[in-house]
Amino acid sequence: MKIRGLFILFVLALLVACKDGRVYHHYGHTPLAGWDKVDTLIYNVPAVNEEGLYATDLGLRVSNKYPFMSLTLIVEQTIYPSQRKQIDTLTCRLIDSNGKAKGNGVSNYQYDFPVSQMFLHQHDSLHITVRHNMRREIMPGVSDVGISVSNLKK
């Protein structure tokens, strides 16, 4: 009886997880020793199946070796085939005023930040680039940068 209950719980969890509207989710890796300002991360989101309002979110994985309270990122999104471009500058607050990490984790922290919302037509695809915009050329402690695109209708 316990096994059957666990199986049903697992199937329900799987169904709920599949209905979040996410059409793309991928992390790009950066050298933990330092993410160079000229190293741009690239994400290619395949064509969407239905038109609607889509949200783009950014995920960060940062170690306690990161030396600043925030990280400024430039996110460029190009919609194909129309080649419409949207450029967003994100200031990601990583540490609060008391010096406590705002992310989840112990020595490596996970952060999630909303980037933008945009209307996409059926069969539109996205080309997304992310780079840091800090005064320091090489940023230590940033290990991964992720992009997630979700259909808000779901």
Protein backbone atom coordinates (compact mmCIF):
# COMPACT_ATOMS: atom_id res chain seq x y z
CA MET A 1 0.00 0.00 0.00
CA LYS A 2 2.87 2.41 0.78
CA ILE A 3 4.48 1.78 -2.60
CA ARG A 4 1.23 2.54 -4.42
CA GLY A 5 0.81 5.80 -2.49
CA LEU A 6 4.36 6.84 -3.26
CA PHE A 7 3.87 6.02 -6.94
CA ILE A 8 0.69 8.13 -7.12
CA LEU A 9 2.47 11.01 -5.35
CA PHE A 10 5.36 10.75 -7.81
CA VAL A 11 3.03 10.81 -10.83
CA LEU A 12 1.14 13.84 -9.45
CA ALA A 13 4.40 15.70 -8.83
CA LEU A 14 5.49 14.93 -12.39
CA LEU A 15 2.20 16.24 -13.81
CA VAL A 16 2.41 19.47 -11.81
CA ALA A 17 6.04 20.01 -12.84
CA CYS A 18 5.15 19.62 -16.52
CA LYS A 19 2.41 22.28 -16.43
CA ASP A 20 4.54 25.28 -15.49
CA GLY A 21 4.65 26.51 -19.11
CA ARG A 22 8.44 26.32 -19.37
CA VAL A 23 9.60 25.96 -22.97
CA TYR A 24 13.34 26.42 -22.37
CA HIS A 25 15.72 26.06 -19.42
CA HIS A 26 19.50 25.89 -19.77
CA TYR A 27 22.58 26.89 -17.77
CA GLY A 28 25.86 28.03 -19.31
CA HIS A 29 29.07 27.58 -17.35
CA THR A 30 31.68 30.23 -16.63
CA PRO A 31 35.19 29.63 -15.28
CA LEU A 32 34.92 29.78 -11.49
CA ALA A 33 38.33 31.48 -11.41
CA GLY A 34 36.84 34.37 -13.35
CA TRP A 35 34.19 35.29 -15.90
CA ASP A 36 35.88 37.62 -18.38
CA LYS A 37 33.94 40.65 -19.55
CA VAL A 38 34.35 39.63 -23.20
CA ASP A 39 33.01 36.08 -22.58
CA THR A 40 29.39 36.23 -23.70
CA LEU A 41 27.07 33.33 -22.89
CA ILE A 42 24.72 32.33 -25.73
CA TYR A 43 21.32 30.64 -25.51
CA ASN A 44 19.24 29.60 -28.53
CA VAL A 45 15.60 29.04 -27.67
CA PRO A 46 13.84 26.88 -30.27
CA ALA A 47 10.66 28.03 -32.01
CA VAL A 48 7.62 28.19 -29.74
CA ASN A 49 4.56 26.10 -30.61
CA GLU A 50 1.95 28.69 -29.71
CA GLU A 51 1.76 32.45 -29.61
CA GLY A 52 1.37 34.25 -26.32
CA LEU A 53 3.08 36.18 -23.57
CA TYR A 54 6.40 34.66 -22.51
CA ALA A 55 8.58 35.46 -19.50
CA THR A 56 12.37 35.27 -19.53
CA ASP A 57 14.11 34.61 -16.20
CA LEU A 58 17.78 34.45 -15.33
CA GLY A 59 19.36 32.07 -12.83
CA LEU A 60 22.75 32.57 -11.19
CA ARG A 61 24.97 30.19 -9.29
CA VAL A 62 27.57 32.11 -7.30
CA SER A 63 30.17 30.94 -4.79
CA ASN A 64 31.16 32.77 -1.62
CA LYS A 65 34.33 33.84 -3.52
CA TYR A 66 32.31 36.51 -5.34
CA PRO A 67 33.67 39.82 -3.95
CA PHE A 68 30.73 42.22 -4.46
CA MET A 69 27.17 42.77 -3.20
CA SER A 70 25.62 42.84 -6.68
CA LEU A 71 26.29 41.85 -10.27
CA THR A 72 25.22 43.88 -13.30
CA LEU A 73 24.33 41.89 -16.41
CA ILE A 74 23.34 42.82 -19.96
CA VAL A 75 20.73 40.47 -21.46
CA GLU A 76 20.10 40.85 -25.21
CA GLN A 77 17.17 38.98 -26.75
CA THR A 78 16.63 38.81 -30.50
CA ILE A 79 13.35 37.39 -31.78
CA TYR A 80 13.51 35.52 -35.08
CA PRO A 81 12.38 35.76 -37.84
CA SER A 82 11.38 39.42 -37.21
CA GLN A 83 14.81 40.27 -35.72
CA ARG A 84 13.22 42.47 -33.05
CA LYS A 85 15.75 43.13 -30.33
CA GLN A 86 15.27 43.79 -26.62
CA ILE A 87 18.18 44.74 -24.36
CA ASP A 88 17.82 44.65 -20.57
CA THR A 89 20.30 45.68 -17.91
CA LEU A 90 19.87 43.71 -14.68
CA THR A 91 21.39 44.71 -11.37
CA CYS A 92 21.28 41.49 -9.38
CA ARG A 93 21.46 42.11 -5.63
CA LEU A 94 23.26 39.11 -4.16
CA ILE A 95 23.99 40.32 -0.60
CA ASP A 96 21.64 42.28 1.68
CA SER A 97 22.69 45.31 3.75
CA ASN A 98 23.60 43.02 6.68
CA GLY A 99 26.07 41.04 4.56
CA LYS A 100 23.81 37.98 4.26
CA ALA A 101 23.45 36.18 0.92
CA LYS A 102 19.97 36.59 -0.58
CA GLY A 103 20.23 33.30 -2.48
CA ASN A 104 19.68 29.71 -1.41
CA GLY A 105 22.69 27.65 -0.38
CA VAL A 106 25.63 27.50 2.01
CA SER A 107 28.88 28.31 0.20
CA ASN A 108 27.38 28.22 -3.31
CA TYR A 109 24.18 30.17 -3.81
CA GLN A 110 21.33 29.94 -6.31
CA TYR A 111 19.58 33.16 -7.38
CA ASP A 112 16.66 33.75 -9.73
CA PHE A 113 15.82 37.09 -11.34
CA PRO A 114 13.04 38.10 -13.76
CA VAL A 115 14.35 39.64 -16.99
CA SER A 116 11.37 40.57 -19.17
CA GLN A 117 8.07 39.58 -20.71
CA MET A 118 7.39 39.63 -24.43
CA PHE A 119 4.76 38.54 -26.89
CA LEU A 120 5.92 35.79 -29.24
CA HIS A 121 4.12 34.54 -32.33
CA GLN A 122 3.85 30.87 -33.19
CA HIS A 123 7.20 29.63 -34.58
CA ASP A 124 9.18 32.59 -33.20
CA SER A 125 12.54 31.67 -31.70
CA LEU A 126 14.94 33.59 -29.46
CA HIS A 127 18.67 34.19 -29.52
CA ILE A 128 19.75 35.38 -26.06
CA THR A 129 23.17 36.60 -24.97
CA VAL A 130 24.33 37.42 -21.44
CA ARG A 131 27.48 39.26 -20.39
CA HIS A 132 28.52 41.06 -17.24
CA ASN A 133 28.86 44.82 -17.13
CA MET A 134 31.10 45.32 -14.12
CA ARG A 135 34.10 47.65 -14.02
CA ARG A 136 36.35 44.76 -13.15
CA GLU A 137 37.29 42.78 -16.27
CA ILE A 138 37.26 39.34 -14.63
CA MET A 139 34.56 38.40 -12.11
CA PRO A 140 35.52 35.47 -9.82
CA GLY A 141 32.94 33.25 -8.16
CA VAL A 142 30.19 33.16 -10.81
CA SER A 143 29.96 29.53 -11.90
CA ASP A 144 26.72 29.29 -13.93
CA VAL A 145 24.25 31.58 -15.64
CA GLY A 146 20.91 30.15 -16.72
CA ILE A 147 18.04 31.27 -18.90
CA SER A 148 14.47 30.06 -18.55
CA VAL A 149 11.61 30.98 -20.91
CA SER A 150 8.02 30.22 -19.89
CA ASN A 151 4.62 30.67 -21.50
CA LEU A 152 2.59 32.73 -19.01
CA LYS A 153 -0.71 31.31 -20.33
CA LYS A 154 0.00 27.86 -18.87
